[in-house]
Amino acid sequence: MIRPVAADVAIATALALAGLLSGSLTMISEAIRSLLMLPASVVGLWLLRANHRGKMARFEFGVDKVERFASMLIGVALLICGPLIAGGAIESAMGHGLAASPLGLALAAAVNAVNTAVNVMGWLSLRSLPVDRRGETFQSQYAARVTMMRSSLVLQVTLTAAALAQDPVLANGLDAFGAVYVAVLMIAGGVSMLRRTLPHIVDRRPDDGLSDHIARAVVAAFPEARLGPIRTRPVGEGVAAEIRLTLPPLTPAENLRTGRATILEQLGARAVRPVTSLTLVPEPSQ
């Protein structure tokens, strides 16, 4: 991940310079996207390094929320710049902006070719990571990298066509189309990331069906107990559950251990999402 992020710093600078010199709306939109995404990528890289080197051990319940927050930053950055770019592209297509010159579009196409190569190599670099080491931070970075690669590939086609077009109106339209395409990818990616991260950050209950599965498994494992509140929250790709139940007096602790194992076994066979953490909280009988 260090190599793609380091390349992003260089290419973001090149995109910004190319956008200012060429006047291409597509190149300006790519520069804005790159510059807004860069801080989130750096934060994600720092978080991944710290997590792999054991520097996050003070988070005793794991760094899941910190990882999700880093993903949320990327999503918010995409949602901020996407509508701005789309508005500028529409305004340019309606003839209210300055059209880029053929030389400027040629410069933009050349710089975007370098950007495309960087994004493809970055995607290949991240893709080589073993599956068992792909945490939430990696997943968000990988998804962003895929979006960047697809965007730069499509933009390479539109920018090259705009640079070769003889008609200025057609060239301006192709340039605006590329910018709108970038904006749509950003908005879609931002919405997807927020939908994936916000439920974890606010501890939203995964689904009502899971609580019903847990209740039936508890009743089967402890038929003599009185079931209390069940609390669930997403943790990574699984669920953490806390179950309060009232047991008969002098119930052996061994019964709790065997009952917990029975509950996890039944949930593993029935529940859609894995229950990775299960806590039984015995309540004193009244």
Protein backbone atom coordinates (compact mmCIF):
# COMPACT_ATOMS: atom_id res chain seq x y z
CA MET A 1 0.00 0.00 0.00
CA ILE A 2 2.96 2.36 0.50
CA ARG A 3 3.85 2.27 -3.20
CA PRO A 4 0.38 3.25 -4.51
CA VAL A 5 -0.03 6.02 -1.92
CA ALA A 6 3.43 7.42 -2.71
CA ALA A 7 2.56 7.35 -6.41
CA ASP A 8 -0.74 9.11 -5.62
CA VAL A 9 1.13 12.05 -4.11
CA ALA A 10 3.11 12.55 -7.32
CA ILE A 11 0.23 11.96 -9.71
CA ALA A 12 -2.16 14.24 -7.77
CA THR A 13 0.35 17.07 -8.19
CA ALA A 14 0.72 16.30 -11.89
CA LEU A 15 -3.06 16.19 -12.37
CA ALA A 16 -3.51 19.54 -10.66
CA LEU A 17 -0.84 21.17 -12.83
CA ALA A 18 -2.23 19.56 -15.99
CA GLY A 19 -5.75 20.71 -15.12
CA LEU A 20 -4.63 24.31 -14.62
CA LEU A 21 -2.52 24.37 -17.79
CA SER A 22 -4.93 22.54 -20.09
CA GLY A 23 -8.25 23.93 -18.90
CA SER A 24 -9.76 20.44 -19.29
CA LEU A 25 -12.74 20.04 -16.98
CA THR A 26 -12.14 16.29 -16.86
CA MET A 27 -8.56 16.79 -15.73
CA ILE A 28 -9.58 19.40 -13.15
CA SER A 29 -12.21 17.02 -11.76
CA GLU A 30 -9.64 14.21 -11.53
CA ALA A 31 -7.25 16.55 -9.74
CA ILE A 32 -9.93 17.56 -7.22
CA ARG A 33 -10.82 13.92 -6.63
CA SER A 34 -7.18 12.93 -6.16
CA LEU A 35 -6.40 15.78 -3.77
CA LEU A 36 -9.48 15.10 -1.63
CA MET A 37 -8.86 11.36 -1.57
CA LEU A 38 -5.18 11.69 -0.70
CA PRO A 39 -5.56 12.55 3.04
CA ALA A 40 -7.98 9.66 3.54
CA SER A 41 -5.55 7.28 1.81
CA VAL A 42 -2.67 8.46 4.01
CA VAL A 43 -4.79 7.99 7.16
CA GLY A 44 -5.79 4.51 6.01
CA LEU A 45 -2.16 3.57 5.36
CA TRP A 46 -1.06 4.87 8.77
CA LEU A 47 -3.85 2.93 10.46
CA LEU A 48 -2.98 -0.29 8.65
CA ARG A 49 0.72 0.02 9.53
CA ALA A 50 -0.06 0.71 13.19
CA ASN A 51 -2.51 -2.19 13.38
CA HIS A 52 -0.11 -4.69 11.79
CA ARG A 53 2.70 -3.62 14.14
CA GLY A 54 0.66 -4.00 17.31
CA LYS A 55 0.44 -0.27 18.08
CA MET A 56 -3.35 -0.46 18.42
CA ALA A 57 -3.27 -2.93 21.31
CA ARG A 58 -4.72 -0.29 23.64
CA PHE A 59 -8.04 -0.71 21.82
CA GLU A 60 -9.04 -3.79 23.80
CA PHE A 61 -12.21 -4.36 21.77
CA GLY A 62 -10.34 -4.15 18.47
CA VAL A 63 -9.88 -1.36 15.96
CA ASP A 64 -13.03 -2.13 14.02
CA LYS A 65 -14.62 1.27 14.68
CA VAL A 66 -11.37 3.11 13.89
CA GLU A 67 -11.11 1.23 10.60
CA ARG A 68 -14.73 1.97 9.76
CA PHE A 69 -14.18 5.64 10.56
CA ALA A 70 -11.27 5.76 8.11
CA SER A 71 -13.53 4.20 5.49
CA MET A 72 -16.21 6.77 6.27
CA LEU A 73 -13.70 9.58 5.64
CA ILE A 74 -13.10 8.24 2.15
CA GLY A 75 -16.84 8.03 1.51
CA VAL A 76 -17.44 11.58 2.72
CA ALA A 77 -14.60 12.87 0.52
CA LEU A 78 -16.17 11.21 -2.50
CA LEU A 79 -19.61 12.65 -1.72
CA ILE A 80 -18.20 16.15 -1.27
CA CYS A 81 -16.37 16.39 -4.58
CA GLY A 82 -18.78 14.34 -6.73
CA PRO A 83 -21.67 16.84 -6.88
CA LEU A 84 -19.26 19.77 -7.28
CA ILE A 85 -17.68 18.15 -10.32
CA ALA A 86 -21.05 17.18 -11.82
CA GLY A 87 -22.33 20.76 -11.49
CA GLY A 88 -19.27 22.19 -13.17
CA ALA A 89 -19.47 19.66 -16.00
CA ILE A 90 -23.12 20.40 -16.69
CA GLU A 91 -22.42 24.13 -16.69
CA SER A 92 -19.56 23.63 -19.15
CA ALA A 93 -21.68 21.41 -21.43
CA MET A 94 -24.29 24.18 -21.60
CA GLY A 95 -21.65 26.56 -22.93
CA HIS A 96 -21.16 28.67 -19.81
CA GLY A 97 -17.53 27.72 -19.30
CA LEU A 98 -14.29 28.05 -21.23
CA ALA A 99 -13.59 25.09 -23.52
CA ALA A 100 -10.17 23.48 -23.41
CA SER A 101 -7.90 23.92 -26.44
CA PRO A 102 -6.85 20.91 -28.56
CA LEU A 103 -3.31 21.25 -27.20
CA GLY A 104 -4.65 21.38 -23.66
CA LEU A 105 -6.74 18.25 -24.23
CA ALA A 106 -3.69 16.48 -25.67
CA LEU A 107 -1.74 17.40 -22.53
CA ALA A 108 -4.59 16.18 -20.35
CA ALA A 109 -4.73 12.86 -22.25
CA ALA A 110 -0.97 12.36 -21.83
CA VAL A 111 -1.03 13.06 -18.09
CA ASN A 112 -4.08 10.84 -17.64
CA ALA A 113 -2.21 8.02 -19.40
CA VAL A 114 0.40 8.20 -16.63
CA ASN A 115 -2.39 8.33 -14.04
CA THR A 116 -4.00 5.24 -15.61
CA ALA A 117 -0.72 3.33 -15.45
CA VAL A 118 -0.26 4.29 -11.78
CA ASN A 119 -3.80 3.21 -10.89
CA VAL A 120 -3.48 -0.12 -12.71
CA MET A 121 -0.16 -0.88 -11.01
CA GLY A 122 -1.61 0.18 -7.65
CA TRP A 123 -4.56 -2.15 -8.16
CA LEU A 124 -2.23 -5.04 -9.03
CA SER A 125 -0.11 -4.26 -5.95
CA LEU A 126 -3.08 -4.36 -3.57
CA ARG A 127 -4.56 -7.40 -5.30
CA SER A 128 -1.43 -9.39 -4.47
CA LEU A 129 -2.10 -9.20 -0.70
CA PRO A 130 -3.18 -12.57 0.81
CA VAL A 131 -6.91 -12.84 1.49
CA ASP A 132 -6.41 -13.54 5.21
CA ARG A 133 -4.75 -10.12 5.69
CA ARG A 134 -7.47 -8.04 4.02
CA GLY A 135 -9.07 -6.11 6.87
CA GLU A 136 -11.61 -3.28 6.68
CA THR A 137 -8.97 -0.63 6.04
CA PHE A 138 -7.59 -2.66 3.16
CA GLN A 139 -11.07 -3.30 1.74
CA SER A 140 -11.89 0.41 1.67
CA GLN A 141 -8.55 1.26 0.06
CA TYR A 142 -8.97 -1.54 -2.47
CA ALA A 143 -12.50 -0.41 -3.38
CA ALA A 144 -11.26 3.16 -3.83
CA ARG A 145 -8.38 1.92 -5.99
CA VAL A 146 -10.73 -0.06 -8.22
CA THR A 147 -12.92 3.03 -8.66
CA MET A 148 -9.89 5.14 -9.53
CA MET A 149 -8.65 2.58 -12.06
CA ARG A 150 -12.01 2.30 -13.80
CA SER A 151 -12.37 6.05 -13.85
CA SER A 152 -8.94 6.67 -15.37
CA LEU A 153 -9.49 3.97 -18.04
CA VAL A 154 -12.76 5.52 -19.19
CA LEU A 155 -11.32 9.02 -19.04
CA GLN A 156 -8.41 7.94 -21.19
CA VAL A 157 -10.88 7.08 -23.94
CA THR A 158 -12.88 10.31 -23.64
CA LEU A 159 -9.83 12.57 -23.34
CA THR A 160 -8.12 10.97 -26.32
CA ALA A 161 -11.30 11.27 -28.39
CA ALA A 162 -11.72 14.91 -27.31
CA ALA A 163 -8.10 15.70 -28.23
CA LEU A 164 -8.55 14.16 -31.69
CA ALA A 165 -11.98 15.69 -32.37
CA GLN A 166 -12.03 18.41 -35.02
CA ASP A 167 -15.29 19.94 -33.80
CA PRO A 168 -14.79 22.17 -30.69
CA VAL A 169 -18.37 21.52 -29.54
CA LEU A 170 -17.82 17.74 -29.71
CA ALA A 171 -14.51 18.04 -27.90
CA ASN A 172 -16.10 20.12 -25.14
CA GLY A 173 -18.96 17.62 -24.86
CA LEU A 174 -16.59 14.67 -24.53
CA ASP A 175 -14.60 16.53 -21.90
CA ALA A 176 -17.76 17.31 -19.93
CA PHE A 177 -18.95 13.70 -20.28
CA GLY A 178 -15.71 12.47 -18.74
CA ALA A 179 -16.13 14.81 -15.81
CA VAL A 180 -19.73 13.71 -15.24
CA TYR A 181 -18.62 10.08 -15.35
CA VAL A 182 -16.02 10.77 -12.65
CA ALA A 183 -18.67 12.50 -10.53
CA VAL A 184 -21.12 9.60 -10.84
CA LEU A 185 -18.45 7.08 -9.81
CA MET A 186 -17.54 9.23 -6.82
CA ILE A 187 -21.12 9.61 -5.62
CA ALA A 188 -21.87 5.90 -6.05
CA GLY A 189 -18.66 4.92 -4.26
CA GLY A 190 -19.28 7.37 -1.42
CA VAL A 191 -22.83 6.14 -0.85
CA SER A 192 -21.64 2.53 -0.86
CA MET A 193 -18.93 3.23 1.72
CA LEU A 194 -21.26 5.15 4.03
CA ARG A 195 -23.89 2.41 3.85
CA ARG A 196 -21.22 -0.10 4.86
CA THR A 197 -19.60 1.92 7.65
CA LEU A 198 -22.31 3.96 9.41
CA PRO A 199 -24.22 0.96 10.84
CA HIS A 200 -21.01 -0.22 12.52
CA ILE A 201 -20.13 3.19 13.92
CA VAL A 202 -23.56 3.76 15.50
CA ASP A 203 -23.89 0.11 16.66
CA ARG A 204 -27.03 -0.46 14.67
CA ARG A 205 -28.65 -3.84 15.30
CA PRO A 206 -27.79 -6.08 12.31
CA ASP A 207 -31.32 -7.41 11.80
CA ASP A 208 -34.38 -8.60 13.73
CA GLY A 209 -34.13 -12.10 12.31
CA LEU A 210 -30.78 -12.67 14.01
CA SER A 211 -32.20 -11.77 17.43
CA ASP A 212 -35.00 -14.31 16.88
CA HIS A 213 -32.42 -16.99 16.02
CA ILE A 214 -30.48 -16.13 19.18
CA ALA A 215 -33.62 -16.23 21.36
CA ARG A 216 -34.60 -19.69 20.05
CA ALA A 217 -31.05 -21.00 20.56
CA VAL A 218 -30.96 -19.68 24.15
CA VAL A 219 -34.33 -21.23 25.00
CA ALA A 220 -33.14 -24.57 23.59
CA ALA A 221 -29.87 -24.44 25.57
CA PHE A 222 -31.42 -23.13 28.82
CA PRO A 223 -35.06 -24.27 28.94
CA GLU A 224 -35.31 -23.51 32.67
CA ALA A 225 -34.01 -19.93 32.32
CA ARG A 226 -35.97 -16.71 31.85
CA LEU A 227 -34.69 -14.80 28.83
CA GLY A 228 -33.90 -11.12 29.26
CA PRO A 229 -32.81 -8.43 26.79
CA ILE A 230 -30.63 -9.40 23.81
CA ARG A 231 -28.22 -6.79 22.47
CA THR A 232 -26.38 -7.21 19.17
CA ARG A 233 -24.01 -5.01 17.22
CA PRO A 234 -21.89 -5.53 14.09
CA VAL A 235 -18.20 -6.27 14.58
CA GLY A 236 -16.20 -6.65 11.39
CA GLU A 237 -18.03 -9.09 9.16
CA GLY A 238 -19.72 -10.75 12.14
CA VAL A 239 -21.90 -9.87 15.12
CA ALA A 240 -21.26 -9.46 18.85
CA ALA A 241 -24.19 -10.52 21.03
CA GLU A 242 -24.90 -9.95 24.73
CA ILE A 243 -27.65 -12.05 26.32
CA ARG A 244 -29.11 -11.50 29.78
CA LEU A 245 -30.94 -14.42 31.33
CA THR A 246 -32.16 -15.43 34.78
CA LEU A 247 -31.08 -18.91 35.84
CA PRO A 248 -32.26 -21.07 38.73
CA PRO A 249 -30.29 -20.62 41.98
CA LEU A 250 -26.98 -22.53 42.28
CA THR A 251 -26.71 -23.23 38.57
CA PRO A 252 -23.17 -24.63 37.96
CA ALA A 253 -20.82 -22.48 35.91
CA GLU A 254 -20.16 -25.51 33.71
CA ASN A 255 -23.76 -25.28 32.50
CA LEU A 256 -23.07 -21.77 31.22
CA ARG A 257 -20.01 -22.93 29.29
CA THR A 258 -21.75 -25.89 27.66
CA GLY A 259 -24.87 -23.83 26.99
CA ARG A 260 -22.82 -21.11 25.32
CA ALA A 261 -21.15 -23.68 23.07
CA THR A 262 -24.57 -25.11 22.15
CA ILE A 263 -25.90 -21.65 21.28
CA LEU A 264 -22.91 -20.88 19.04
CA GLU A 265 -23.27 -24.25 17.31
CA GLN A 266 -26.95 -23.65 16.54
CA LEU A 267 -26.32 -20.09 15.37
CA GLY A 268 -23.53 -21.27 13.10
CA ALA A 269 -25.98 -23.58 11.35
CA ARG A 270 -28.94 -21.15 11.11
CA ALA A 271 -27.82 -17.50 11.29
CA VAL A 272 -26.96 -15.65 8.09
CA ARG A 273 -24.21 -13.58 9.73
CA PRO A 274 -21.62 -15.26 11.97
CA VAL A 275 -21.78 -14.52 15.69
CA THR A 276 -18.12 -13.95 16.47
CA SER A 277 -18.61 -12.88 20.09
CA LEU A 278 -21.23 -14.19 22.53
CA THR A 279 -21.52 -13.01 26.14
CA LEU A 280 -23.95 -14.57 28.63
CA VAL A 281 -24.85 -12.29 31.56
CA PRO A 282 -26.61 -14.24 34.36
CA GLU A 283 -29.16 -12.14 36.28
CA PRO A 284 -29.93 -12.90 39.94
CA SER A 285 -33.31 -14.58 40.42
CA GLN A 286 -35.92 -12.51 42.27
